[in-house]
Amino acid sequence: ESAGVALVNATRESMRMADMVEGM
């Protein structure tokens, strides 16, 4: 319902992917 909050959520999840790739 709040674009700003949702985009922060998606950014945090995207950083999880980046951390996984860095570990790989």
PDBML (XML) file of the C-alpha atoms, coordinates in Angstrom:
<?xml version="1.0" encoding="UTF-8" ?>
<PDBx:datablock datablockName="MODEL"
   xmlns:PDBx="http://pdbml.pdb.org/schema/pdbx-v50.xsd"
   xmlns:xsi="http://www.w3.org/2001/XMLSchema-instance"
   xsi:schemaLocation="http://pdbml.pdb.org/schema/pdbx-v50.xsd pdbx-v50.xsd">
   <PDBx:atom_siteCategory>
      <PDBx:atom_site id="1">
         <PDBx:B_iso_or_equiv>0.00</PDBx:B_iso_or_equiv>
         <PDBx:Cartn_x>0.000</PDBx:Cartn_x>
         <PDBx:Cartn_y>0.000</PDBx:Cartn_y>
         <PDBx:Cartn_z>0.000</PDBx:Cartn_z>
         <PDBx:auth_asym_id>A</PDBx:auth_asym_id>
         <PDBx:auth_atom_id>CA</PDBx:auth_atom_id>
         <PDBx:auth_comp_id>GLU</PDBx:auth_comp_id>
         <PDBx:auth_seq_id>1</PDBx:auth_seq_id>
         <PDBx:group_PDB>ATOM</PDBx:group_PDB>
         <PDBx:label_alt_id xsi:nil="true" />
         <PDBx:label_asym_id>A</PDBx:label_asym_id>
         <PDBx:label_atom_id>CA</PDBx:label_atom_id>
         <PDBx:label_comp_id>GLU</PDBx:label_comp_id>
         <PDBx:label_entity_id>1</PDBx:label_entity_id>
         <PDBx:label_seq_id>1</PDBx:label_seq_id>
         <PDBx:occupancy>1.00</PDBx:occupancy>
         <PDBx:pdbx_PDB_model_num>1</PDBx:pdbx_PDB_model_num>
         <PDBx:type_symbol>C</PDBx:type_symbol>
      </PDBx:atom_site>
      <PDBx:atom_site id="2">
         <PDBx:B_iso_or_equiv>0.00</PDBx:B_iso_or_equiv>
         <PDBx:Cartn_x>3.041</PDBx:Cartn_x>
         <PDBx:Cartn_y>2.276</PDBx:Cartn_y>
         <PDBx:Cartn_z>0.413</PDBx:Cartn_z>
         <PDBx:auth_asym_id>A</PDBx:auth_asym_id>
         <PDBx:auth_atom_id>CA</PDBx:auth_atom_id>
         <PDBx:auth_comp_id>SER</PDBx:auth_comp_id>
         <PDBx:auth_seq_id>2</PDBx:auth_seq_id>
         <PDBx:group_PDB>ATOM</PDBx:group_PDB>
         <PDBx:label_alt_id xsi:nil="true" />
         <PDBx:label_asym_id>A</PDBx:label_asym_id>
         <PDBx:label_atom_id>CA</PDBx:label_atom_id>
         <PDBx:label_comp_id>SER</PDBx:label_comp_id>
         <PDBx:label_entity_id>1</PDBx:label_entity_id>
         <PDBx:label_seq_id>2</PDBx:label_seq_id>
         <PDBx:occupancy>1.00</PDBx:occupancy>
         <PDBx:pdbx_PDB_model_num>1</PDBx:pdbx_PDB_model_num>
         <PDBx:type_symbol>C</PDBx:type_symbol>
      </PDBx:atom_site>
      <PDBx:atom_site id="3">
         <PDBx:B_iso_or_equiv>0.00</PDBx:B_iso_or_equiv>
         <PDBx:Cartn_x>5.375</PDBx:Cartn_x>
         <PDBx:Cartn_y>2.349</PDBx:Cartn_y>
         <PDBx:Cartn_z>-2.588</PDBx:Cartn_z>
         <PDBx:auth_asym_id>A</PDBx:auth_asym_id>
         <PDBx:auth_atom_id>CA</PDBx:auth_atom_id>
         <PDBx:auth_comp_id>ALA</PDBx:auth_comp_id>
         <PDBx:auth_seq_id>3</PDBx:auth_seq_id>
         <PDBx:group_PDB>ATOM</PDBx:group_PDB>
         <PDBx:label_alt_id xsi:nil="true" />
         <PDBx:label_asym_id>A</PDBx:label_asym_id>
         <PDBx:label_atom_id>CA</PDBx:label_atom_id>
         <PDBx:label_comp_id>ALA</PDBx:label_comp_id>
         <PDBx:label_entity_id>1</PDBx:label_entity_id>
         <PDBx:label_seq_id>3</PDBx:label_seq_id>
         <PDBx:occupancy>1.00</PDBx:occupancy>
         <PDBx:pdbx_PDB_model_num>1</PDBx:pdbx_PDB_model_num>
         <PDBx:type_symbol>C</PDBx:type_symbol>
      </PDBx:atom_site>
      <PDBx:atom_site id="4">
         <PDBx:B_iso_or_equiv>0.00</PDBx:B_iso_or_equiv>
         <PDBx:Cartn_x>8.281</PDBx:Cartn_x>
         <PDBx:Cartn_y>3.764</PDBx:Cartn_y>
         <PDBx:Cartn_z>-0.574</PDBx:Cartn_z>
         <PDBx:auth_asym_id>A</PDBx:auth_asym_id>
         <PDBx:auth_atom_id>CA</PDBx:auth_atom_id>
         <PDBx:auth_comp_id>GLY</PDBx:auth_comp_id>
         <PDBx:auth_seq_id>4</PDBx:auth_seq_id>
         <PDBx:group_PDB>ATOM</PDBx:group_PDB>
         <PDBx:label_alt_id xsi:nil="true" />
         <PDBx:label_asym_id>A</PDBx:label_asym_id>
         <PDBx:label_atom_id>CA</PDBx:label_atom_id>
         <PDBx:label_comp_id>GLY</PDBx:label_comp_id>
         <PDBx:label_entity_id>1</PDBx:label_entity_id>
         <PDBx:label_seq_id>4</PDBx:label_seq_id>
         <PDBx:occupancy>1.00</PDBx:occupancy>
         <PDBx:pdbx_PDB_model_num>1</PDBx:pdbx_PDB_model_num>
         <PDBx:type_symbol>C</PDBx:type_symbol>
      </PDBx:atom_site>
      <PDBx:atom_site id="5">
         <PDBx:B_iso_or_equiv>0.00</PDBx:B_iso_or_equiv>
         <PDBx:Cartn_x>8.125</PDBx:Cartn_x>
         <PDBx:Cartn_y>0.994</PDBx:Cartn_y>
         <PDBx:Cartn_z>2.015</PDBx:Cartn_z>
         <PDBx:auth_asym_id>A</PDBx:auth_asym_id>
         <PDBx:auth_atom_id>CA</PDBx:auth_atom_id>
         <PDBx:auth_comp_id>VAL</PDBx:auth_comp_id>
         <PDBx:auth_seq_id>5</PDBx:auth_seq_id>
         <PDBx:group_PDB>ATOM</PDBx:group_PDB>
         <PDBx:label_alt_id xsi:nil="true" />
         <PDBx:label_asym_id>A</PDBx:label_asym_id>
         <PDBx:label_atom_id>CA</PDBx:label_atom_id>
         <PDBx:label_comp_id>VAL</PDBx:label_comp_id>
         <PDBx:label_entity_id>1</PDBx:label_entity_id>
         <PDBx:label_seq_id>5</PDBx:label_seq_id>
         <PDBx:occupancy>1.00</PDBx:occupancy>
         <PDBx:pdbx_PDB_model_num>1</PDBx:pdbx_PDB_model_num>
         <PDBx:type_symbol>C</PDBx:type_symbol>
      </PDBx:atom_site>
      <PDBx:atom_site id="6">
         <PDBx:B_iso_or_equiv>0.00</PDBx:B_iso_or_equiv>
         <PDBx:Cartn_x>7.642</PDBx:Cartn_x>
         <PDBx:Cartn_y>-1.751</PDBx:Cartn_y>
         <PDBx:Cartn_z>-0.572</PDBx:Cartn_z>
         <PDBx:auth_asym_id>A</PDBx:auth_asym_id>
         <PDBx:auth_atom_id>CA</PDBx:auth_atom_id>
         <PDBx:auth_comp_id>ALA</PDBx:auth_comp_id>
         <PDBx:auth_seq_id>6</PDBx:auth_seq_id>
         <PDBx:group_PDB>ATOM</PDBx:group_PDB>
         <PDBx:label_alt_id xsi:nil="true" />
         <PDBx:label_asym_id>A</PDBx:label_asym_id>
         <PDBx:label_atom_id>CA</PDBx:label_atom_id>
         <PDBx:label_comp_id>ALA</PDBx:label_comp_id>
         <PDBx:label_entity_id>1</PDBx:label_entity_id>
         <PDBx:label_seq_id>6</PDBx:label_seq_id>
         <PDBx:occupancy>1.00</PDBx:occupancy>
         <PDBx:pdbx_PDB_model_num>1</PDBx:pdbx_PDB_model_num>
         <PDBx:type_symbol>C</PDBx:type_symbol>
      </PDBx:atom_site>
      <PDBx:atom_site id="7">
         <PDBx:B_iso_or_equiv>0.00</PDBx:B_iso_or_equiv>
         <PDBx:Cartn_x>10.658</PDBx:Cartn_x>
         <PDBx:Cartn_y>-0.566</PDBx:Cartn_y>
         <PDBx:Cartn_z>-2.592</PDBx:Cartn_z>
         <PDBx:auth_asym_id>A</PDBx:auth_asym_id>
         <PDBx:auth_atom_id>CA</PDBx:auth_atom_id>
         <PDBx:auth_comp_id>LEU</PDBx:auth_comp_id>
         <PDBx:auth_seq_id>7</PDBx:auth_seq_id>
         <PDBx:group_PDB>ATOM</PDBx:group_PDB>
         <PDBx:label_alt_id xsi:nil="true" />
         <PDBx:label_asym_id>A</PDBx:label_asym_id>
         <PDBx:label_atom_id>CA</PDBx:label_atom_id>
         <PDBx:label_comp_id>LEU</PDBx:label_comp_id>
         <PDBx:label_entity_id>1</PDBx:label_entity_id>
         <PDBx:label_seq_id>7</PDBx:label_seq_id>
         <PDBx:occupancy>1.00</PDBx:occupancy>
         <PDBx:pdbx_PDB_model_num>1</PDBx:pdbx_PDB_model_num>
         <PDBx:type_symbol>C</PDBx:type_symbol>
      </PDBx:atom_site>
      <PDBx:atom_site id="8">
         <PDBx:B_iso_or_equiv>0.00</PDBx:B_iso_or_equiv>
         <PDBx:Cartn_x>12.814</PDBx:Cartn_x>
         <PDBx:Cartn_y>-0.659</PDBx:Cartn_y>
         <PDBx:Cartn_z>0.548</PDBx:Cartn_z>
         <PDBx:auth_asym_id>A</PDBx:auth_asym_id>
         <PDBx:auth_atom_id>CA</PDBx:auth_atom_id>
         <PDBx:auth_comp_id>VAL</PDBx:auth_comp_id>
         <PDBx:auth_seq_id>8</PDBx:auth_seq_id>
         <PDBx:group_PDB>ATOM</PDBx:group_PDB>
         <PDBx:label_alt_id xsi:nil="true" />
         <PDBx:label_asym_id>A</PDBx:label_asym_id>
         <PDBx:label_atom_id>CA</PDBx:label_atom_id>
         <PDBx:label_comp_id>VAL</PDBx:label_comp_id>
         <PDBx:label_entity_id>1</PDBx:label_entity_id>
         <PDBx:label_seq_id>8</PDBx:label_seq_id>
         <PDBx:occupancy>1.00</PDBx:occupancy>
         <PDBx:pdbx_PDB_model_num>1</PDBx:pdbx_PDB_model_num>
         <PDBx:type_symbol>C</PDBx:type_symbol>
      </PDBx:atom_site>
      <PDBx:atom_site id="9">
         <PDBx:B_iso_or_equiv>0.00</PDBx:B_iso_or_equiv>
         <PDBx:Cartn_x>11.594</PDBx:Cartn_x>
         <PDBx:Cartn_y>-4.222</PDBx:Cartn_y>
         <PDBx:Cartn_z>1.134</PDBx:Cartn_z>
         <PDBx:auth_asym_id>A</PDBx:auth_asym_id>
         <PDBx:auth_atom_id>CA</PDBx:auth_atom_id>
         <PDBx:auth_comp_id>ASN</PDBx:auth_comp_id>
         <PDBx:auth_seq_id>9</PDBx:auth_seq_id>
         <PDBx:group_PDB>ATOM</PDBx:group_PDB>
         <PDBx:label_alt_id xsi:nil="true" />
         <PDBx:label_asym_id>A</PDBx:label_asym_id>
         <PDBx:label_atom_id>CA</PDBx:label_atom_id>
         <PDBx:label_comp_id>ASN</PDBx:label_comp_id>
         <PDBx:label_entity_id>1</PDBx:label_entity_id>
         <PDBx:label_seq_id>9</PDBx:label_seq_id>
         <PDBx:occupancy>1.00</PDBx:occupancy>
         <PDBx:pdbx_PDB_model_num>1</PDBx:pdbx_PDB_model_num>
         <PDBx:type_symbol>C</PDBx:type_symbol>
      </PDBx:atom_site>
      <PDBx:atom_site id="10">
         <PDBx:B_iso_or_equiv>0.00</PDBx:B_iso_or_equiv>
         <PDBx:Cartn_x>12.493</PDBx:Cartn_x>
         <PDBx:Cartn_y>-5.226</PDBx:Cartn_y>
         <PDBx:Cartn_z>-2.426</PDBx:Cartn_z>
         <PDBx:auth_asym_id>A</PDBx:auth_asym_id>
         <PDBx:auth_atom_id>CA</PDBx:auth_atom_id>
         <PDBx:auth_comp_id>ALA</PDBx:auth_comp_id>
         <PDBx:auth_seq_id>10</PDBx:auth_seq_id>
         <PDBx:group_PDB>ATOM</PDBx:group_PDB>
         <PDBx:label_alt_id xsi:nil="true" />
         <PDBx:label_asym_id>A</PDBx:label_asym_id>
         <PDBx:label_atom_id>CA</PDBx:label_atom_id>
         <PDBx:label_comp_id>ALA</PDBx:label_comp_id>
         <PDBx:label_entity_id>1</PDBx:label_entity_id>
         <PDBx:label_seq_id>10</PDBx:label_seq_id>
         <PDBx:occupancy>1.00</PDBx:occupancy>
         <PDBx:pdbx_PDB_model_num>1</PDBx:pdbx_PDB_model_num>
         <PDBx:type_symbol>C</PDBx:type_symbol>
      </PDBx:atom_site>
      <PDBx:atom_site id="11">
         <PDBx:B_iso_or_equiv>0.00</PDBx:B_iso_or_equiv>
         <PDBx:Cartn_x>15.900</PDBx:Cartn_x>
         <PDBx:Cartn_y>-3.557</PDBx:Cartn_y>
         <PDBx:Cartn_z>-2.064</PDBx:Cartn_z>
         <PDBx:auth_asym_id>A</PDBx:auth_asym_id>
         <PDBx:auth_atom_id>CA</PDBx:auth_atom_id>
         <PDBx:auth_comp_id>THR</PDBx:auth_comp_id>
         <PDBx:auth_seq_id>11</PDBx:auth_seq_id>
         <PDBx:group_PDB>ATOM</PDBx:group_PDB>
         <PDBx:label_alt_id xsi:nil="true" />
         <PDBx:label_asym_id>A</PDBx:label_asym_id>
         <PDBx:label_atom_id>CA</PDBx:label_atom_id>
         <PDBx:label_comp_id>THR</PDBx:label_comp_id>
         <PDBx:label_entity_id>1</PDBx:label_entity_id>
         <PDBx:label_seq_id>11</PDBx:label_seq_id>
         <PDBx:occupancy>1.00</PDBx:occupancy>
         <PDBx:pdbx_PDB_model_num>1</PDBx:pdbx_PDB_model_num>
         <PDBx:type_symbol>C</PDBx:type_symbol>
      </PDBx:atom_site>
      <PDBx:atom_site id="12">
         <PDBx:B_iso_or_equiv>0.00</PDBx:B_iso_or_equiv>
         <PDBx:Cartn_x>16.617</PDBx:Cartn_x>
         <PDBx:Cartn_y>-5.509</PDBx:Cartn_y>
         <PDBx:Cartn_z>1.125</PDBx:Cartn_z>
         <PDBx:auth_asym_id>A</PDBx:auth_asym_id>
         <PDBx:auth_atom_id>CA</PDBx:auth_atom_id>
         <PDBx:auth_comp_id>ARG</PDBx:auth_comp_id>
         <PDBx:auth_seq_id>12</PDBx:auth_seq_id>
         <PDBx:group_PDB>ATOM</PDBx:group_PDB>
         <PDBx:label_alt_id xsi:nil="true" />
         <PDBx:label_asym_id>A</PDBx:label_asym_id>
         <PDBx:label_atom_id>CA</PDBx:label_atom_id>
         <PDBx:label_comp_id>ARG</PDBx:label_comp_id>
         <PDBx:label_entity_id>1</PDBx:label_entity_id>
         <PDBx:label_seq_id>12</PDBx:label_seq_id>
         <PDBx:occupancy>1.00</PDBx:occupancy>
         <PDBx:pdbx_PDB_model_num>1</PDBx:pdbx_PDB_model_num>
         <PDBx:type_symbol>C</PDBx:type_symbol>
      </PDBx:atom_site>
      <PDBx:atom_site id="13">
         <PDBx:B_iso_or_equiv>0.00</PDBx:B_iso_or_equiv>
         <PDBx:Cartn_x>15.662</PDBx:Cartn_x>
         <PDBx:Cartn_y>-8.778</PDBx:Cartn_y>
         <PDBx:Cartn_z>-0.564</PDBx:Cartn_z>
         <PDBx:auth_asym_id>A</PDBx:auth_asym_id>
         <PDBx:auth_atom_id>CA</PDBx:auth_atom_id>
         <PDBx:auth_comp_id>GLU</PDBx:auth_comp_id>
         <PDBx:auth_seq_id>13</PDBx:auth_seq_id>
         <PDBx:group_PDB>ATOM</PDBx:group_PDB>
         <PDBx:label_alt_id xsi:nil="true" />
         <PDBx:label_asym_id>A</PDBx:label_asym_id>
         <PDBx:label_atom_id>CA</PDBx:label_atom_id>
         <PDBx:label_comp_id>GLU</PDBx:label_comp_id>
         <PDBx:label_entity_id>1</PDBx:label_entity_id>
         <PDBx:label_seq_id>13</PDBx:label_seq_id>
         <PDBx:occupancy>1.00</PDBx:occupancy>
         <PDBx:pdbx_PDB_model_num>1</PDBx:pdbx_PDB_model_num>
         <PDBx:type_symbol>C</PDBx:type_symbol>
      </PDBx:atom_site>
      <PDBx:atom_site id="14">
         <PDBx:B_iso_or_equiv>0.00</PDBx:B_iso_or_equiv>
         <PDBx:Cartn_x>17.803</PDBx:Cartn_x>
         <PDBx:Cartn_y>-7.896</PDBx:Cartn_y>
         <PDBx:Cartn_z>-3.590</PDBx:Cartn_z>
         <PDBx:auth_asym_id>A</PDBx:auth_asym_id>
         <PDBx:auth_atom_id>CA</PDBx:auth_atom_id>
         <PDBx:auth_comp_id>SER</PDBx:auth_comp_id>
         <PDBx:auth_seq_id>14</PDBx:auth_seq_id>
         <PDBx:group_PDB>ATOM</PDBx:group_PDB>
         <PDBx:label_alt_id xsi:nil="true" />
         <PDBx:label_asym_id>A</PDBx:label_asym_id>
         <PDBx:label_atom_id>CA</PDBx:label_atom_id>
         <PDBx:label_comp_id>SER</PDBx:label_comp_id>
         <PDBx:label_entity_id>1</PDBx:label_entity_id>
         <PDBx:label_seq_id>14</PDBx:label_seq_id>
         <PDBx:occupancy>1.00</PDBx:occupancy>
         <PDBx:pdbx_PDB_model_num>1</PDBx:pdbx_PDB_model_num>
         <PDBx:type_symbol>C</PDBx:type_symbol>
      </PDBx:atom_site>
      <PDBx:atom_site id="15">
         <PDBx:B_iso_or_equiv>0.00</PDBx:B_iso_or_equiv>
         <PDBx:Cartn_x>20.769</PDBx:Cartn_x>
         <PDBx:Cartn_y>-7.347</PDBx:Cartn_y>
         <PDBx:Cartn_z>-1.282</PDBx:Cartn_z>
         <PDBx:auth_asym_id>A</PDBx:auth_asym_id>
         <PDBx:auth_atom_id>CA</PDBx:auth_atom_id>
         <PDBx:auth_comp_id>MET</PDBx:auth_comp_id>
         <PDBx:auth_seq_id>15</PDBx:auth_seq_id>
         <PDBx:group_PDB>ATOM</PDBx:group_PDB>
         <PDBx:label_alt_id xsi:nil="true" />
         <PDBx:label_asym_id>A</PDBx:label_asym_id>
         <PDBx:label_atom_id>CA</PDBx:label_atom_id>
         <PDBx:label_comp_id>MET</PDBx:label_comp_id>
         <PDBx:label_entity_id>1</PDBx:label_entity_id>
         <PDBx:label_seq_id>15</PDBx:label_seq_id>
         <PDBx:occupancy>1.00</PDBx:occupancy>
         <PDBx:pdbx_PDB_model_num>1</PDBx:pdbx_PDB_model_num>
         <PDBx:type_symbol>C</PDBx:type_symbol>
      </PDBx:atom_site>
      <PDBx:atom_site id="16">
         <PDBx:B_iso_or_equiv>0.00</PDBx:B_iso_or_equiv>
         <PDBx:Cartn_x>20.236</PDBx:Cartn_x>
         <PDBx:Cartn_y>-10.888</PDBx:Cartn_y>
         <PDBx:Cartn_z>0.036</PDBx:Cartn_z>
         <PDBx:auth_asym_id>A</PDBx:auth_asym_id>
         <PDBx:auth_atom_id>CA</PDBx:auth_atom_id>
         <PDBx:auth_comp_id>ARG</PDBx:auth_comp_id>
         <PDBx:auth_seq_id>16</PDBx:auth_seq_id>
         <PDBx:group_PDB>ATOM</PDBx:group_PDB>
         <PDBx:label_alt_id xsi:nil="true" />
         <PDBx:label_asym_id>A</PDBx:label_asym_id>
         <PDBx:label_atom_id>CA</PDBx:label_atom_id>
         <PDBx:label_comp_id>ARG</PDBx:label_comp_id>
         <PDBx:label_entity_id>1</PDBx:label_entity_id>
         <PDBx:label_seq_id>16</PDBx:label_seq_id>
         <PDBx:occupancy>1.00</PDBx:occupancy>
         <PDBx:pdbx_PDB_model_num>1</PDBx:pdbx_PDB_model_num>
         <PDBx:type_symbol>C</PDBx:type_symbol>
      </PDBx:atom_site>
      <PDBx:atom_site id="17">
         <PDBx:B_iso_or_equiv>0.00</PDBx:B_iso_or_equiv>
         <PDBx:Cartn_x>20.728</PDBx:Cartn_x>
         <PDBx:Cartn_y>-12.075</PDBx:Cartn_y>
         <PDBx:Cartn_z>-3.541</PDBx:Cartn_z>
         <PDBx:auth_asym_id>A</PDBx:auth_asym_id>
         <PDBx:auth_atom_id>CA</PDBx:auth_atom_id>
         <PDBx:auth_comp_id>MET</PDBx:auth_comp_id>
         <PDBx:auth_seq_id>17</PDBx:auth_seq_id>
         <PDBx:group_PDB>ATOM</PDBx:group_PDB>
         <PDBx:label_alt_id xsi:nil="true" />
         <PDBx:label_asym_id>A</PDBx:label_asym_id>
         <PDBx:label_atom_id>CA</PDBx:label_atom_id>
         <PDBx:label_comp_id>MET</PDBx:label_comp_id>
         <PDBx:label_entity_id>1</PDBx:label_entity_id>
         <PDBx:label_seq_id>17</PDBx:label_seq_id>
         <PDBx:occupancy>1.00</PDBx:occupancy>
         <PDBx:pdbx_PDB_model_num>1</PDBx:pdbx_PDB_model_num>
         <PDBx:type_symbol>C</PDBx:type_symbol>
      </PDBx:atom_site>
      <PDBx:atom_site id="18">
         <PDBx:B_iso_or_equiv>0.00</PDBx:B_iso_or_equiv>
         <PDBx:Cartn_x>23.887</PDBx:Cartn_x>
         <PDBx:Cartn_y>-9.974</PDBx:Cartn_y>
         <PDBx:Cartn_z>-3.861</PDBx:Cartn_z>
         <PDBx:auth_asym_id>A</PDBx:auth_asym_id>
         <PDBx:auth_atom_id>CA</PDBx:auth_atom_id>
         <PDBx:auth_comp_id>ALA</PDBx:auth_comp_id>
         <PDBx:auth_seq_id>18</PDBx:auth_seq_id>
         <PDBx:group_PDB>ATOM</PDBx:group_PDB>
         <PDBx:label_alt_id xsi:nil="true" />
         <PDBx:label_asym_id>A</PDBx:label_asym_id>
         <PDBx:label_atom_id>CA</PDBx:label_atom_id>
         <PDBx:label_comp_id>ALA</PDBx:label_comp_id>
         <PDBx:label_entity_id>1</PDBx:label_entity_id>
         <PDBx:label_seq_id>18</PDBx:label_seq_id>
         <PDBx:occupancy>1.00</PDBx:occupancy>
         <PDBx:pdbx_PDB_model_num>1</PDBx:pdbx_PDB_model_num>
         <PDBx:type_symbol>C</PDBx:type_symbol>
      </PDBx:atom_site>
      <PDBx:atom_site id="19">
         <PDBx:B_iso_or_equiv>0.00</PDBx:B_iso_or_equiv>
         <PDBx:Cartn_x>25.237</PDBx:Cartn_x>
         <PDBx:Cartn_y>-11.436</PDBx:Cartn_y>
         <PDBx:Cartn_z>-0.612</PDBx:Cartn_z>
         <PDBx:auth_asym_id>A</PDBx:auth_asym_id>
         <PDBx:auth_atom_id>CA</PDBx:auth_atom_id>
         <PDBx:auth_comp_id>ASP</PDBx:auth_comp_id>
         <PDBx:auth_seq_id>19</PDBx:auth_seq_id>
         <PDBx:group_PDB>ATOM</PDBx:group_PDB>
         <PDBx:label_alt_id xsi:nil="true" />
         <PDBx:label_asym_id>A</PDBx:label_asym_id>
         <PDBx:label_atom_id>CA</PDBx:label_atom_id>
         <PDBx:label_comp_id>ASP</PDBx:label_comp_id>
         <PDBx:label_entity_id>1</PDBx:label_entity_id>
         <PDBx:label_seq_id>19</PDBx:label_seq_id>
         <PDBx:occupancy>1.00</PDBx:occupancy>
         <PDBx:pdbx_PDB_model_num>1</PDBx:pdbx_PDB_model_num>
         <PDBx:type_symbol>C</PDBx:type_symbol>
      </PDBx:atom_site>
      <PDBx:atom_site id="20">
         <PDBx:B_iso_or_equiv>0.00</PDBx:B_iso_or_equiv>
         <PDBx:Cartn_x>24.551</PDBx:Cartn_x>
         <PDBx:Cartn_y>-14.953</PDBx:Cartn_y>
         <PDBx:Cartn_z>-1.901</PDBx:Cartn_z>
         <PDBx:auth_asym_id>A</PDBx:auth_asym_id>
         <PDBx:auth_atom_id>CA</PDBx:auth_atom_id>
         <PDBx:auth_comp_id>MET</PDBx:auth_comp_id>
         <PDBx:auth_seq_id>20</PDBx:auth_seq_id>
         <PDBx:group_PDB>ATOM</PDBx:group_PDB>
         <PDBx:label_alt_id xsi:nil="true" />
         <PDBx:label_asym_id>A</PDBx:label_asym_id>
         <PDBx:label_atom_id>CA</PDBx:label_atom_id>
         <PDBx:label_comp_id>MET</PDBx:label_comp_id>
         <PDBx:label_entity_id>1</PDBx:label_entity_id>
         <PDBx:label_seq_id>20</PDBx:label_seq_id>
         <PDBx:occupancy>1.00</PDBx:occupancy>
         <PDBx:pdbx_PDB_model_num>1</PDBx:pdbx_PDB_model_num>
         <PDBx:type_symbol>C</PDBx:type_symbol>
      </PDBx:atom_site>
      <PDBx:atom_site id="21">
         <PDBx:B_iso_or_equiv>0.00</PDBx:B_iso_or_equiv>
         <PDBx:Cartn_x>26.357</PDBx:Cartn_x>
         <PDBx:Cartn_y>-14.241</PDBx:Cartn_y>
         <PDBx:Cartn_z>-5.167</PDBx:Cartn_z>
         <PDBx:auth_asym_id>A</PDBx:auth_asym_id>
         <PDBx:auth_atom_id>CA</PDBx:auth_atom_id>
         <PDBx:auth_comp_id>VAL</PDBx:auth_comp_id>
         <PDBx:auth_seq_id>21</PDBx:auth_seq_id>
         <PDBx:group_PDB>ATOM</PDBx:group_PDB>
         <PDBx:label_alt_id xsi:nil="true" />
         <PDBx:label_asym_id>A</PDBx:label_asym_id>
         <PDBx:label_atom_id>CA</PDBx:label_atom_id>
         <PDBx:label_comp_id>VAL</PDBx:label_comp_id>
         <PDBx:label_entity_id>1</PDBx:label_entity_id>
         <PDBx:label_seq_id>21</PDBx:label_seq_id>
         <PDBx:occupancy>1.00</PDBx:occupancy>
         <PDBx:pdbx_PDB_model_num>1</PDBx:pdbx_PDB_model_num>
         <PDBx:type_symbol>C</PDBx:type_symbol>
      </PDBx:atom_site>
      <PDBx:atom_site id="22">
         <PDBx:B_iso_or_equiv>0.00</PDBx:B_iso_or_equiv>
         <PDBx:Cartn_x>29.288</PDBx:Cartn_x>
         <PDBx:Cartn_y>-12.727</PDBx:Cartn_y>
         <PDBx:Cartn_z>-3.291</PDBx:Cartn_z>
         <PDBx:auth_asym_id>A</PDBx:auth_asym_id>
         <PDBx:auth_atom_id>CA</PDBx:auth_atom_id>
         <PDBx:auth_comp_id>GLU</PDBx:auth_comp_id>
         <PDBx:auth_seq_id>22</PDBx:auth_seq_id>
         <PDBx:group_PDB>ATOM</PDBx:group_PDB>
         <PDBx:label_alt_id xsi:nil="true" />
         <PDBx:label_asym_id>A</PDBx:label_asym_id>
         <PDBx:label_atom_id>CA</PDBx:label_atom_id>
         <PDBx:label_comp_id>GLU</PDBx:label_comp_id>
         <PDBx:label_entity_id>1</PDBx:label_entity_id>
         <PDBx:label_seq_id>22</PDBx:label_seq_id>
         <PDBx:occupancy>1.00</PDBx:occupancy>
         <PDBx:pdbx_PDB_model_num>1</PDBx:pdbx_PDB_model_num>
         <PDBx:type_symbol>C</PDBx:type_symbol>
      </PDBx:atom_site>
      <PDBx:atom_site id="23">
         <PDBx:B_iso_or_equiv>0.00</PDBx:B_iso_or_equiv>
         <PDBx:Cartn_x>29.511</PDBx:Cartn_x>
         <PDBx:Cartn_y>-15.923</PDBx:Cartn_y>
         <PDBx:Cartn_z>-1.224</PDBx:Cartn_z>
         <PDBx:auth_asym_id>A</PDBx:auth_asym_id>
         <PDBx:auth_atom_id>CA</PDBx:auth_atom_id>
         <PDBx:auth_comp_id>GLY</PDBx:auth_comp_id>
         <PDBx:auth_seq_id>23</PDBx:auth_seq_id>
         <PDBx:group_PDB>ATOM</PDBx:group_PDB>
         <PDBx:label_alt_id xsi:nil="true" />
         <PDBx:label_asym_id>A</PDBx:label_asym_id>
         <PDBx:label_atom_id>CA</PDBx:label_atom_id>
         <PDBx:label_comp_id>GLY</PDBx:label_comp_id>
         <PDBx:label_entity_id>1</PDBx:label_entity_id>
         <PDBx:label_seq_id>23</PDBx:label_seq_id>
         <PDBx:occupancy>1.00</PDBx:occupancy>
         <PDBx:pdbx_PDB_model_num>1</PDBx:pdbx_PDB_model_num>
         <PDBx:type_symbol>C</PDBx:type_symbol>
      </PDBx:atom_site>
      <PDBx:atom_site id="24">
         <PDBx:B_iso_or_equiv>0.00</PDBx:B_iso_or_equiv>
         <PDBx:Cartn_x>29.428</PDBx:Cartn_x>
         <PDBx:Cartn_y>-18.013</PDBx:Cartn_y>
         <PDBx:Cartn_z>-4.408</PDBx:Cartn_z>
         <PDBx:auth_asym_id>A</PDBx:auth_asym_id>
         <PDBx:auth_atom_id>CA</PDBx:auth_atom_id>
         <PDBx:auth_comp_id>MET</PDBx:auth_comp_id>
         <PDBx:auth_seq_id>24</PDBx:auth_seq_id>
         <PDBx:group_PDB>ATOM</PDBx:group_PDB>
         <PDBx:label_alt_id xsi:nil="true" />
         <PDBx:label_asym_id>A</PDBx:label_asym_id>
         <PDBx:label_atom_id>CA</PDBx:label_atom_id>
         <PDBx:label_comp_id>MET</PDBx:label_comp_id>
         <PDBx:label_entity_id>1</PDBx:label_entity_id>
         <PDBx:label_seq_id>24</PDBx:label_seq_id>
         <PDBx:occupancy>1.00</PDBx:occupancy>
         <PDBx:pdbx_PDB_model_num>1</PDBx:pdbx_PDB_model_num>
         <PDBx:type_symbol>C</PDBx:type_symbol>
      </PDBx:atom_site>
   </PDBx:atom_siteCategory>
</PDBx:datablock>
